[in-house]
Full PDB file with SEQRES, HELIX, SHEET, SSBOND, CRYST1, ORIGX, SCALE, CONECT and MASTER records, all heavy atoms in Angstrom:
SEQRES   1 A   39  SER ILE SER VAL ILE PHE LEU ALA VAL LEU HIS MET TYR          
SEQRES   2 A   39  LEU LYS ASN ILE TYR GLN MET GLU LEU ARG SER GLN MET          
SEQRES   3 A   39  ARG PHE ALA ALA GLU CYS ILE ILE GLN ASP ILE LYS HIS          
HELIX    1 AA1 ILE A    2  LYS A   38  1                                  37    
CRYST1    1.000    1.000    1.000  90.00  90.00  90.00 P 1           1          
ORIGX1      1.000000  0.000000  0.000000        0.00000                         
ORIGX2      0.000000  1.000000  0.000000        0.00000                         
ORIGX3      0.000000  0.000000  1.000000        0.00000                         
SCALE1      1.000000  0.000000  0.000000        0.00000                         
SCALE2      0.000000  1.000000  0.000000        0.00000                         
SCALE3      0.000000  0.000000  1.000000        0.00000                         
ATOM      1  N   SER A   1      79.418 132.395 120.690  1.00  0.00           N  
ATOM      2  CA  SER A   1      80.821 132.092 120.547  1.00  0.00           C  
ATOM      3  C   SER A   1      81.006 130.524 120.372  1.00  0.00           C  
ATOM      4  O   SER A   1      81.765 130.080 119.529  1.00  0.00           O  
ATOM      5  CB  SER A   1      81.679 132.637 121.703  1.00  0.00           C  
ATOM      6  OG  SER A   1      81.464 133.957 121.782  1.00  0.00           O  
ATOM      7  N   ILE A   2      80.418 129.942 121.313  1.00  0.00           N  
ATOM      8  CA  ILE A   2      80.398 128.426 121.184  1.00  0.00           C  
ATOM      9  C   ILE A   2      79.932 127.923 119.914  1.00  0.00           C  
ATOM     10  O   ILE A   2      80.446 126.997 119.322  1.00  0.00           O  
ATOM     11  CB  ILE A   2      79.713 127.822 122.456  1.00  0.00           C  
ATOM     12  CG1 ILE A   2      80.520 128.115 123.644  1.00  0.00           C  
ATOM     13  CG2 ILE A   2      79.517 126.237 122.206  1.00  0.00           C  
ATOM     14  CD1 ILE A   2      79.931 127.673 125.019  1.00  0.00           C  
ATOM     15  N   SER A   3      78.658 128.502 119.465  1.00  0.00           N  
ATOM     16  CA  SER A   3      78.211 128.098 118.208  1.00  0.00           C  
ATOM     17  C   SER A   3      79.099 128.268 116.991  1.00  0.00           C  
ATOM     18  O   SER A   3      79.198 127.448 116.111  1.00  0.00           O  
ATOM     19  CB  SER A   3      76.885 128.773 117.945  1.00  0.00           C  
ATOM     20  OG  SER A   3      75.847 128.504 118.895  1.00  0.00           O  
ATOM     21  N   VAL A   4      79.724 129.362 116.995  1.00  0.00           N  
ATOM     22  CA  VAL A   4      80.646 129.770 115.902  1.00  0.00           C  
ATOM     23  C   VAL A   4      81.807 128.769 115.816  1.00  0.00           C  
ATOM     24  O   VAL A   4      82.298 128.234 114.847  1.00  0.00           O  
ATOM     25  CB  VAL A   4      81.207 131.203 116.105  1.00  0.00           C  
ATOM     26  CG1 VAL A   4      82.392 131.449 115.090  1.00  0.00           C  
ATOM     27  CG2 VAL A   4      80.126 132.182 115.708  1.00  0.00           C  
ATOM     28  N   ILE A   5      82.286 128.512 117.105  1.00  0.00           N  
ATOM     29  CA  ILE A   5      83.499 127.591 117.249  1.00  0.00           C  
ATOM     30  C   ILE A   5      83.053 126.172 116.696  1.00  0.00           C  
ATOM     31  O   ILE A   5      83.690 125.539 116.056  1.00  0.00           O  
ATOM     32  CB  ILE A   5      84.024 127.593 118.625  1.00  0.00           C  
ATOM     33  CG1 ILE A   5      84.749 128.871 118.982  1.00  0.00           C  
ATOM     34  CG2 ILE A   5      84.957 126.339 118.809  1.00  0.00           C  
ATOM     35  CD1 ILE A   5      85.115 129.053 120.404  1.00  0.00           C  
ATOM     36  N   PHE A   6      81.810 125.757 117.193  1.00  0.00           N  
ATOM     37  CA  PHE A   6      81.345 124.384 116.778  1.00  0.00           C  
ATOM     38  C   PHE A   6      81.169 124.283 115.285  1.00  0.00           C  
ATOM     39  O   PHE A   6      81.576 123.341 114.637  1.00  0.00           O  
ATOM     40  CB  PHE A   6      79.928 124.160 117.466  1.00  0.00           C  
ATOM     41  CG  PHE A   6      79.372 122.990 116.930  1.00  0.00           C  
ATOM     42  CD1 PHE A   6      79.822 121.691 117.386  1.00  0.00           C  
ATOM     43  CD2 PHE A   6      78.273 122.977 116.147  1.00  0.00           C  
ATOM     44  CE1 PHE A   6      79.098 120.483 116.997  1.00  0.00           C  
ATOM     45  CE2 PHE A   6      77.727 121.790 115.796  1.00  0.00           C  
ATOM     46  CZ  PHE A   6      78.081 120.466 116.123  1.00  0.00           C  
ATOM     47  N   LEU A   7      80.606 125.432 114.673  1.00  0.00           N  
ATOM     48  CA  LEU A   7      80.414 125.354 113.104  1.00  0.00           C  
ATOM     49  C   LEU A   7      81.741 125.375 112.493  1.00  0.00           C  
ATOM     50  O   LEU A   7      81.886 124.736 111.395  1.00  0.00           O  
ATOM     51  CB  LEU A   7      79.644 126.544 112.757  1.00  0.00           C  
ATOM     52  CG  LEU A   7      78.083 126.446 113.175  1.00  0.00           C  
ATOM     53  CD1 LEU A   7      77.388 127.683 112.758  1.00  0.00           C  
ATOM     54  CD2 LEU A   7      77.369 125.246 112.586  1.00  0.00           C  
ATOM     55  N   ALA A   8      82.785 126.032 113.054  1.00  0.00           N  
ATOM     56  CA  ALA A   8      84.054 125.998 112.259  1.00  0.00           C  
ATOM     57  C   ALA A   8      84.700 124.674 112.430  1.00  0.00           C  
ATOM     58  O   ALA A   8      85.228 124.081 111.382  1.00  0.00           O  
ATOM     59  CB  ALA A   8      84.903 127.082 113.038  1.00  0.00           C  
ATOM     60  N   VAL A   9      84.621 124.081 113.590  1.00  0.00           N  
ATOM     61  CA  VAL A   9      85.075 122.623 113.704  1.00  0.00           C  
ATOM     62  C   VAL A   9      84.416 121.684 112.831  1.00  0.00           C  
ATOM     63  O   VAL A   9      84.945 120.830 112.143  1.00  0.00           O  
ATOM     64  CB  VAL A   9      85.105 122.252 115.230  1.00  0.00           C  
ATOM     65  CG1 VAL A   9      85.323 120.800 115.471  1.00  0.00           C  
ATOM     66  CG2 VAL A   9      86.006 123.025 115.959  1.00  0.00           C  
ATOM     67  N   LEU A  10      83.149 121.831 112.729  1.00  0.00           N  
ATOM     68  CA  LEU A  10      82.220 120.857 111.949  1.00  0.00           C  
ATOM     69  C   LEU A  10      82.648 121.176 110.492  1.00  0.00           C  
ATOM     70  O   LEU A  10      82.788 120.105 109.671  1.00  0.00           O  
ATOM     71  CB  LEU A  10      80.711 121.251 112.059  1.00  0.00           C  
ATOM     72  CG  LEU A  10      79.735 120.396 111.233  1.00  0.00           C  
ATOM     73  CD1 LEU A  10      79.897 118.891 111.737  1.00  0.00           C  
ATOM     74  CD2 LEU A  10      78.263 120.816 111.443  1.00  0.00           C  
ATOM     75  N   HIS A  11      82.737 122.327 109.982  1.00  0.00           N  
ATOM     76  CA  HIS A  11      83.145 122.634 108.594  1.00  0.00           C  
ATOM     77  C   HIS A  11      84.588 121.915 108.267  1.00  0.00           C  
ATOM     78  O   HIS A  11      84.736 121.315 107.366  1.00  0.00           O  
ATOM     79  CB  HIS A  11      83.199 124.107 108.287  1.00  0.00           C  
ATOM     80  CG  HIS A  11      83.587 124.477 106.964  1.00  0.00           C  
ATOM     81  ND1 HIS A  11      82.897 124.308 105.921  1.00  0.00           N  
ATOM     82  CD2 HIS A  11      84.747 124.941 106.401  1.00  0.00           C  
ATOM     83  CE1 HIS A  11      83.418 124.615 104.819  1.00  0.00           C  
ATOM     84  NE2 HIS A  11      84.628 125.108 105.133  1.00  0.00           N  
ATOM     85  N   MET A  12      85.643 122.081 109.243  1.00  0.00           N  
ATOM     86  CA  MET A  12      86.864 121.542 109.071  1.00  0.00           C  
ATOM     87  C   MET A  12      86.724 119.978 109.033  1.00  0.00           C  
ATOM     88  O   MET A  12      87.417 119.343 108.183  1.00  0.00           O  
ATOM     89  CB  MET A  12      87.763 121.975 110.143  1.00  0.00           C  
ATOM     90  CG  MET A  12      89.141 121.837 109.725  1.00  0.00           C  
ATOM     91  SD  MET A  12      90.365 122.591 110.952  1.00  0.00           S  
ATOM     92  CE  MET A  12      89.730 124.125 111.465  1.00  0.00           C  
ATOM     93  N   TYR A  13      85.933 119.395 109.859  1.00  0.00           N  
ATOM     94  CA  TYR A  13      85.628 117.986 109.902  1.00  0.00           C  
ATOM     95  C   TYR A  13      85.195 117.491 108.422  1.00  0.00           C  
ATOM     96  O   TYR A  13      85.662 116.470 108.038  1.00  0.00           O  
ATOM     97  CB  TYR A  13      84.762 117.523 111.015  1.00  0.00           C  
ATOM     98  CG  TYR A  13      84.430 116.153 111.059  1.00  0.00           C  
ATOM     99  CD1 TYR A  13      85.278 115.130 111.417  1.00  0.00           C  
ATOM    100  CD2 TYR A  13      83.130 115.748 110.619  1.00  0.00           C  
ATOM    101  CE1 TYR A  13      84.924 113.792 111.473  1.00  0.00           C  
ATOM    102  CE2 TYR A  13      82.713 114.487 110.561  1.00  0.00           C  
ATOM    103  CZ  TYR A  13      83.579 113.409 110.932  1.00  0.00           C  
ATOM    104  OH  TYR A  13      83.294 112.184 110.992  1.00  0.00           O  
ATOM    105  N   LEU A  14      84.169 118.173 108.025  1.00  0.00           N  
ATOM    106  CA  LEU A  14      83.556 117.727 106.710  1.00  0.00           C  
ATOM    107  C   LEU A  14      84.584 117.876 105.699  1.00  0.00           C  
ATOM    108  O   LEU A  14      84.531 117.095 104.738  1.00  0.00           O  
ATOM    109  CB  LEU A  14      82.282 118.615 106.459  1.00  0.00           C  
ATOM    110  CG  LEU A  14      81.106 118.218 107.235  1.00  0.00           C  
ATOM    111  CD1 LEU A  14      79.870 119.224 106.941  1.00  0.00           C  
ATOM    112  CD2 LEU A  14      80.671 116.868 106.971  1.00  0.00           C  
ATOM    113  N   LYS A  15      85.398 119.041 105.694  1.00  0.00           N  
ATOM    114  CA  LYS A  15      86.439 119.187 104.648  1.00  0.00           C  
ATOM    115  C   LYS A  15      87.303 118.098 104.662  1.00  0.00           C  
ATOM    116  O   LYS A  15      87.844 117.463 103.568  1.00  0.00           O  
ATOM    117  CB  LYS A  15      87.020 120.587 104.781  1.00  0.00           C  
ATOM    118  CG  LYS A  15      87.984 121.019 103.713  1.00  0.00           C  
ATOM    119  CD  LYS A  15      88.441 122.507 103.983  1.00  0.00           C  
ATOM    120  CE  LYS A  15      89.378 122.865 102.969  1.00  0.00           C  
ATOM    121  NZ  LYS A  15      89.771 124.128 103.131  1.00  0.00           N  
ATOM    122  N   ASN A  16      87.822 117.719 105.882  1.00  0.00           N  
ATOM    123  CA  ASN A  16      88.763 116.552 105.955  1.00  0.00           C  
ATOM    124  C   ASN A  16      88.096 115.205 105.442  1.00  0.00           C  
ATOM    125  O   ASN A  16      88.841 114.469 104.712  1.00  0.00           O  
ATOM    126  CB  ASN A  16      89.197 116.267 107.317  1.00  0.00           C  
ATOM    127  CG  ASN A  16      90.200 117.476 107.748  1.00  0.00           C  
ATOM    128  OD1 ASN A  16      90.815 117.955 106.959  1.00  0.00           O  
ATOM    129  ND2 ASN A  16      90.290 117.651 109.013  1.00  0.00           N  
ATOM    130  N   ILE A  17      86.818 115.047 105.734  1.00  0.00           N  
ATOM    131  CA  ILE A  17      86.175 113.714 105.197  1.00  0.00           C  
ATOM    132  C   ILE A  17      86.137 113.836 103.689  1.00  0.00           C  
ATOM    133  O   ILE A  17      86.351 112.778 103.024  1.00  0.00           O  
ATOM    134  CB  ILE A  17      84.553 113.760 105.821  1.00  0.00           C  
ATOM    135  CG1 ILE A  17      84.706 113.478 107.309  1.00  0.00           C  
ATOM    136  CG2 ILE A  17      83.889 112.749 105.093  1.00  0.00           C  
ATOM    137  CD1 ILE A  17      84.619 112.103 107.681  1.00  0.00           C  
ATOM    138  N   TYR A  18      85.801 115.001 103.099  1.00  0.00           N  
ATOM    139  CA  TYR A  18      85.688 115.217 101.628  1.00  0.00           C  
ATOM    140  C   TYR A  18      87.019 114.939 101.038  1.00  0.00           C  
ATOM    141  O   TYR A  18      87.174 114.266  99.997  1.00  0.00           O  
ATOM    142  CB  TYR A  18      85.092 116.455 101.322  1.00  0.00           C  
ATOM    143  CG  TYR A  18      83.695 116.674 101.491  1.00  0.00           C  
ATOM    144  CD1 TYR A  18      83.018 117.855 101.488  1.00  0.00           C  
ATOM    145  CD2 TYR A  18      82.876 115.457 101.797  1.00  0.00           C  
ATOM    146  CE1 TYR A  18      81.639 117.904 101.732  1.00  0.00           C  
ATOM    147  CE2 TYR A  18      81.553 115.608 102.160  1.00  0.00           C  
ATOM    148  CZ  TYR A  18      80.971 116.917 102.107  1.00  0.00           C  
ATOM    149  OH  TYR A  18      79.644 117.021 102.418  1.00  0.00           O  
ATOM    150  N   GLN A  19      88.055 115.318 101.643  1.00  0.00           N  
ATOM    151  CA  GLN A  19      89.482 115.146 101.135  1.00  0.00           C  
ATOM    152  C   GLN A  19      89.889 113.726 101.137  1.00  0.00           C  
ATOM    153  O   GLN A  19      90.450 113.245 100.272  1.00  0.00           O  
ATOM    154  CB  GLN A  19      90.485 115.998 101.951  1.00  0.00           C  
ATOM    155  CG  GLN A  19      90.502 117.552 101.637  1.00  0.00           C  
ATOM    156  CD  GLN A  19      91.428 118.336 102.392  1.00  0.00           C  
ATOM    157  OE1 GLN A  19      92.069 117.826 103.307  1.00  0.00           O  
ATOM    158  NE2 GLN A  19      91.321 119.667 102.144  1.00  0.00           N  
ATOM    159  N   MET A  20      89.470 113.100 102.297  1.00  0.00           N  
ATOM    160  CA  MET A  20      89.843 111.715 102.422  1.00  0.00           C  
ATOM    161  C   MET A  20      89.013 110.871 101.251  1.00  0.00           C  
ATOM    162  O   MET A  20      89.555 109.946 100.747  1.00  0.00           O  
ATOM    163  CB  MET A  20      89.427 111.128 103.754  1.00  0.00           C  
ATOM    164  CG  MET A  20      90.339 111.484 104.790  1.00  0.00           C  
ATOM    165  SD  MET A  20      90.188 110.693 106.344  1.00  0.00           S  
ATOM    166  CE  MET A  20      88.404 110.785 106.693  1.00  0.00           C  
ATOM    167  N   GLU A  21      87.722 111.257 100.977  1.00  0.00           N  
ATOM    168  CA  GLU A  21      86.954 110.563 100.031  1.00  0.00           C  
ATOM    169  C   GLU A  21      87.499 110.782  98.651  1.00  0.00           C  
ATOM    170  O   GLU A  21      87.629 109.932  97.699  1.00  0.00           O  
ATOM    171  CB  GLU A  21      85.493 111.070  99.980  1.00  0.00           C  
ATOM    172  CG  GLU A  21      84.586 110.530  98.928  1.00  0.00           C  
ATOM    173  CD  GLU A  21      84.310 108.932  99.046  1.00  0.00           C  
ATOM    174  OE1 GLU A  21      84.539 108.410 100.160  1.00  0.00           O  
ATOM    175  OE2 GLU A  21      84.135 108.429  98.025  1.00  0.00           O  
ATOM    176  N   LEU A  22      87.934 112.076  98.365  1.00  0.00           N  
ATOM    177  CA  LEU A  22      88.574 112.424  97.093  1.00  0.00           C  
ATOM    178  C   LEU A  22      89.926 111.630  96.830  1.00  0.00           C  
ATOM    179  O   LEU A  22      90.067 110.950  95.906  1.00  0.00           O  
ATOM    180  CB  LEU A  22      88.800 113.931  97.061  1.00  0.00           C  
ATOM    181  CG  LEU A  22      89.672 114.416  95.796  1.00  0.00           C  
ATOM    182  CD1 LEU A  22      88.807 114.186  94.538  1.00  0.00           C  
ATOM    183  CD2 LEU A  22      90.179 115.772  95.998  1.00  0.00           C  
ATOM    184  N   ARG A  23      90.722 111.566  97.804  1.00  0.00           N  
ATOM    185  CA  ARG A  23      91.912 110.876  97.655  1.00  0.00           C  
ATOM    186  C   ARG A  23      91.634 109.388  97.513  1.00  0.00           C  
ATOM    187  O   ARG A  23      92.331 108.623  96.727  1.00  0.00           O  
ATOM    188  CB  ARG A  23      92.915 111.133  98.944  1.00  0.00           C  
ATOM    189  CG  ARG A  23      93.363 112.542  98.807  1.00  0.00           C  
ATOM    190  CD  ARG A  23      94.232 112.721 100.080  1.00  0.00           C  
ATOM    191  NE  ARG A  23      94.697 114.219  99.995  1.00  0.00           N  
ATOM    192  CZ  ARG A  23      95.107 114.880 101.028  1.00  0.00           C  
ATOM    193  NH1 ARG A  23      95.147 114.326 102.236  1.00  0.00           N  
ATOM    194  NH2 ARG A  23      95.530 116.046 101.020  1.00  0.00           N  
ATOM    195  N   SER A  24      90.669 108.891  98.140  1.00  0.00           N  
ATOM    196  CA  SER A  24      90.377 107.440  98.064  1.00  0.00           C  
ATOM    197  C   SER A  24      89.929 107.086  96.627  1.00  0.00           C  
ATOM    198  O   SER A  24      90.293 106.167  96.050  1.00  0.00           O  
ATOM    199  CB  SER A  24      89.374 107.090  99.119  1.00  0.00           C  
ATOM    200  OG  SER A  24      88.835 105.880  98.897  1.00  0.00           O  
ATOM    201  N   GLN A  25      89.059 107.944  96.124  1.00  0.00           N  
ATOM    202  CA  GLN A  25      88.620 107.780  94.807  1.00  0.00           C  
ATOM    203  C   GLN A  25      89.592 107.960  93.766  1.00  0.00           C  
ATOM    204  O   GLN A  25      89.735 107.089  92.640  1.00  0.00           O  
ATOM    205  CB  GLN A  25      87.462 108.752  94.402  1.00  0.00           C  
ATOM    206  CG  GLN A  25      86.173 108.570  95.084  1.00  0.00           C  
ATOM    207  CD  GLN A  25      84.974 109.422  94.650  1.00  0.00           C  
ATOM    208  OE1 GLN A  25      85.199 110.179  93.667  1.00  0.00           O  
ATOM    209  NE2 GLN A  25      83.924 109.420  95.340  1.00  0.00           N  
ATOM    210  N   MET A  26      90.589 108.878  93.944  1.00  0.00           N  
ATOM    211  CA  MET A  26      91.772 109.021  93.041  1.00  0.00           C  
ATOM    212  C   MET A  26      92.616 107.806  93.063  1.00  0.00           C  
ATOM    213  O   MET A  26      93.090 107.348  92.042  1.00  0.00           O  
ATOM    214  CB  MET A  26      92.506 110.255  93.404  1.00  0.00           C  
ATOM    215  CG  MET A  26      91.716 111.557  93.012  1.00  0.00           C  
ATOM    216  SD  MET A  26      92.611 112.994  93.484  1.00  0.00           S  
ATOM    217  CE  MET A  26      93.920 113.135  92.535  1.00  0.00           C  
ATOM    218  N   ARG A  27      92.901 107.317  94.297  1.00  0.00           N  
ATOM    219  CA  ARG A  27      93.825 106.040  94.397  1.00  0.00           C  
ATOM    220  C   ARG A  27      93.103 104.902  93.827  1.00  0.00           C  
ATOM    221  O   ARG A  27      93.726 104.189  93.042  1.00  0.00           O  
ATOM    222  CB  ARG A  27      94.048 105.736  95.917  1.00  0.00           C  
ATOM    223  CG  ARG A  27      95.250 106.620  96.434  1.00  0.00           C  
ATOM    224  CD  ARG A  27      95.603 106.137  97.856  1.00  0.00           C  
ATOM    225  NE  ARG A  27      94.503 105.864  98.767  1.00  0.00           N  
ATOM    226  CZ  ARG A  27      94.213 106.804  99.598  1.00  0.00           C  
ATOM    227  NH1 ARG A  27      94.697 107.984  99.640  1.00  0.00           N  
ATOM    228  NH2 ARG A  27      93.191 106.555 100.428  1.00  0.00           N  
ATOM    229  N   PHE A  28      91.765 104.744  93.938  1.00  0.00           N  
ATOM    230  CA  PHE A  28      91.026 103.716  93.394  1.00  0.00           C  
ATOM    231  C   PHE A  28      91.096 103.696  91.700  1.00  0.00           C  
ATOM    232  O   PHE A  28      91.347 102.644  91.113  1.00  0.00           O  
ATOM    233  CB  PHE A  28      89.611 103.678  93.913  1.00  0.00           C  
ATOM    234  CG  PHE A  28      88.778 102.459  93.261  1.00  0.00           C  
ATOM    235  CD1 PHE A  28      89.038 101.167  93.450  1.00  0.00           C  
ATOM    236  CD2 PHE A  28      87.787 102.894  92.215  1.00  0.00           C  
ATOM    237  CE1 PHE A  28      88.268 100.226  92.861  1.00  0.00           C  
ATOM    238  CE2 PHE A  28      86.985 101.895  91.640  1.00  0.00           C  
ATOM    239  CZ  PHE A  28      87.325 100.486  91.914  1.00  0.00           C  
ATOM    240  N   ALA A  29      90.946 104.981  91.254  1.00  0.00           N  
ATOM    241  CA  ALA A  29      90.873 105.081  89.810  1.00  0.00           C  
ATOM    242  C   ALA A  29      92.234 104.759  89.276  1.00  0.00           C  
ATOM    243  O   ALA A  29      92.369 104.050  88.210  1.00  0.00           O  
ATOM    244  CB  ALA A  29      90.424 106.371  89.413  1.00  0.00           C  
ATOM    245  N   ALA A  30      93.241 105.375  89.945  1.00  0.00           N  
ATOM    246  CA  ALA A  30      94.670 105.132  89.534  1.00  0.00           C  
ATOM    247  C   ALA A  30      95.077 103.570  89.486  1.00  0.00           C  
ATOM    248  O   ALA A  30      95.620 103.147  88.562  1.00  0.00           O  
ATOM    249  CB  ALA A  30      95.598 105.956  90.339  1.00  0.00           C  
ATOM    250  N   GLU A  31      94.614 102.991  90.503  1.00  0.00           N  
ATOM    251  CA  GLU A  31      94.949 101.589  90.782  1.00  0.00           C  
ATOM    252  C   GLU A  31      94.199 100.774  89.647  1.00  0.00           C  
ATOM    253  O   GLU A  31      94.882  99.867  89.030  1.00  0.00           O  
ATOM    254  CB  GLU A  31      94.542 101.025  92.132  1.00  0.00           C  
ATOM    255  CG  GLU A  31      95.057  99.566  92.307  1.00  0.00           C  
ATOM    256  CD  GLU A  31      96.560  99.588  92.355  1.00  0.00           C  
ATOM    257  OE1 GLU A  31      97.218 100.515  92.768  1.00  0.00           O  
ATOM    258  OE2 GLU A  31      97.069  98.483  91.956  1.00  0.00           O  
ATOM    259  N   CYS A  32      93.001 101.065  89.358  1.00  0.00           N  
ATOM    260  CA  CYS A  32      92.380 100.426  88.146  1.00  0.00           C  
ATOM    261  C   CYS A  32      92.999 100.609  86.826  1.00  0.00           C  
ATOM    262  O   CYS A  32      93.272  99.663  86.039  1.00  0.00           O  
ATOM    263  CB  CYS A  32      90.774 100.833  88.060  1.00  0.00           C  
ATOM    264  SG  CYS A  32      89.838 100.229  89.389  1.00  0.00           S  
ATOM    265  N   ILE A  33      93.332 101.782  86.498  1.00  0.00           N  
ATOM    266  CA  ILE A  33      94.035 102.232  85.377  1.00  0.00           C  
ATOM    267  C   ILE A  33      95.483 101.559  85.277  1.00  0.00           C  
ATOM    268  O   ILE A  33      95.882 101.022  84.306  1.00  0.00           O  
ATOM    269  CB  ILE A  33      94.133 103.780  85.129  1.00  0.00           C  
ATOM    270  CG1 ILE A  33      92.775 104.287  85.027  1.00  0.00           C  
ATOM    271  CG2 ILE A  33      95.082 104.015  83.995  1.00  0.00           C  
ATOM    272  CD1 ILE A  33      92.723 105.857  84.950  1.00  0.00           C  
ATOM    273  N   ILE A  34      96.197 101.621  86.295  1.00  0.00           N  
ATOM    274  CA  ILE A  34      97.525 100.932  86.488  1.00  0.00           C  
ATOM    275  C   ILE A  34      97.510  99.460  86.143  1.00  0.00           C  
ATOM    276  O   ILE A  34      98.261  98.948  85.450  1.00  0.00           O  
ATOM    277  CB  ILE A  34      98.181 101.256  87.875  1.00  0.00           C  
ATOM    278  CG1 ILE A  34      98.546 102.708  87.878  1.00  0.00           C  
ATOM    279  CG2 ILE A  34      99.447 100.422  88.039  1.00  0.00           C  
ATOM    280  CD1 ILE A  34      98.936 103.252  89.223  1.00  0.00           C  
ATOM    281  N   GLN A  35      96.524  98.781  86.900  1.00  0.00           N  
ATOM    282  CA  GLN A  35      96.463  97.383  86.637  1.00  0.00           C  
ATOM    283  C   GLN A  35      96.088  96.992  85.202  1.00  0.00           C  
ATOM    284  O   GLN A  35      96.661  96.028  84.694  1.00  0.00           O  
ATOM    285  CB  GLN A  35      95.455  96.767  87.641  1.00  0.00           C  
ATOM    286  CG  GLN A  35      95.829  96.654  89.073  1.00  0.00           C  
ATOM    287  CD  GLN A  35      97.203  95.954  89.219  1.00  0.00           C  
ATOM    288  OE1 GLN A  35      97.283  94.730  88.740  1.00  0.00           O  
ATOM    289  NE2 GLN A  35      98.061  96.466  89.970  1.00  0.00           N  
ATOM    290  N   ASP A  36      95.148  97.749  84.602  1.00  0.00           N  
ATOM    291  CA  ASP A  36      94.863  97.438  83.219  1.00  0.00           C  
ATOM    292  C   ASP A  36      95.956  97.774  82.305  1.00  0.00           C  
ATOM    293  O   ASP A  36      96.135  96.908  81.346  1.00  0.00           O  
ATOM    294  CB  ASP A  36      93.489  98.158  82.944  1.00  0.00           C  
ATOM    295  CG  ASP A  36      92.286  97.611  83.673  1.00  0.00           C  
ATOM    296  OD1 ASP A  36      92.334  96.388  83.928  1.00  0.00           O  
ATOM    297  OD2 ASP A  36      91.282  98.347  83.688  1.00  0.00           O  
ATOM    298  N   ILE A  37      96.608  98.735  82.411  1.00  0.00           N  
ATOM    299  CA  ILE A  37      97.731  99.111  81.642  1.00  0.00           C  
ATOM    300  C   ILE A  37      98.816  98.170  81.777  1.00  0.00           C  
ATOM    301  O   ILE A  37      99.505  97.594  80.865  1.00  0.00           O  
ATOM    302  CB  ILE A  37      98.208 100.533  81.747  1.00  0.00           C  
ATOM    303  CG1 ILE A  37      97.252 101.596  81.228  1.00  0.00           C  
ATOM    304  CG2 ILE A  37      99.648 100.732  81.167  1.00  0.00           C  
ATOM    305  CD1 ILE A  37      97.713 103.004  81.598  1.00  0.00           C  
ATOM    306  N   LYS A  38      99.080  97.701  83.031  1.00  0.00           N  
ATOM    307  CA  LYS A  38     100.191  96.726  83.361  1.00  0.00           C  
ATOM    308  C   LYS A  38      99.965  95.459  82.659  1.00  0.00           C  
ATOM    309  O   LYS A  38     101.036  94.846  82.154  1.00  0.00           O  
ATOM    310  CB  LYS A  38     100.233  96.644  84.823  1.00  0.00           C  
ATOM    311  CG  LYS A  38     101.568  95.918  85.296  1.00  0.00           C  
ATOM    312  CD  LYS A  38     101.490  95.683  86.830  1.00  0.00           C  
ATOM    313  CE  LYS A  38     101.816  97.004  87.582  1.00  0.00           C  
ATOM    314  NZ  LYS A  38     101.829  96.810  88.962  1.00  0.00           N  
ATOM    315  N   HIS A  39      98.764  94.955  82.578  1.00  0.00           N  
ATOM    316  CA  HIS A  39      98.592  93.620  82.021  1.00  0.00           C  
ATOM    317  C   HIS A  39      97.904  93.756  80.535  1.00  0.00           C  
ATOM    318  O   HIS A  39      97.408  92.690  80.103  1.00  0.00           O  
ATOM    319  CB  HIS A  39      97.638  92.879  82.837  1.00  0.00           C  
ATOM    320  CG  HIS A  39      98.105  92.616  84.263  1.00  0.00           C  
ATOM    321  ND1 HIS A  39      99.289  91.798  84.556  1.00  0.00           N  
ATOM    322  CD2 HIS A  39      97.805  93.151  85.481  1.00  0.00           C  
ATOM    323  CE1 HIS A  39      99.548  91.920  85.808  1.00  0.00           C  
ATOM    324  NE2 HIS A  39      98.580  92.667  86.364  1.00  0.00           N  
TER     325      HIS A  39                                                      
MASTER        0    0    0    1    0    0    0    6  324    1    0    3          
END                                                                             
């Protein structure tokens, strides 16, 4: 039971890390495109 709970928490933690990485990459790409179009 403890192992199942630990693996579920670990999976949720990794999913949150991946979502933060994805959003960071999307913001970076958008900022690059925005700055280049703006100027």
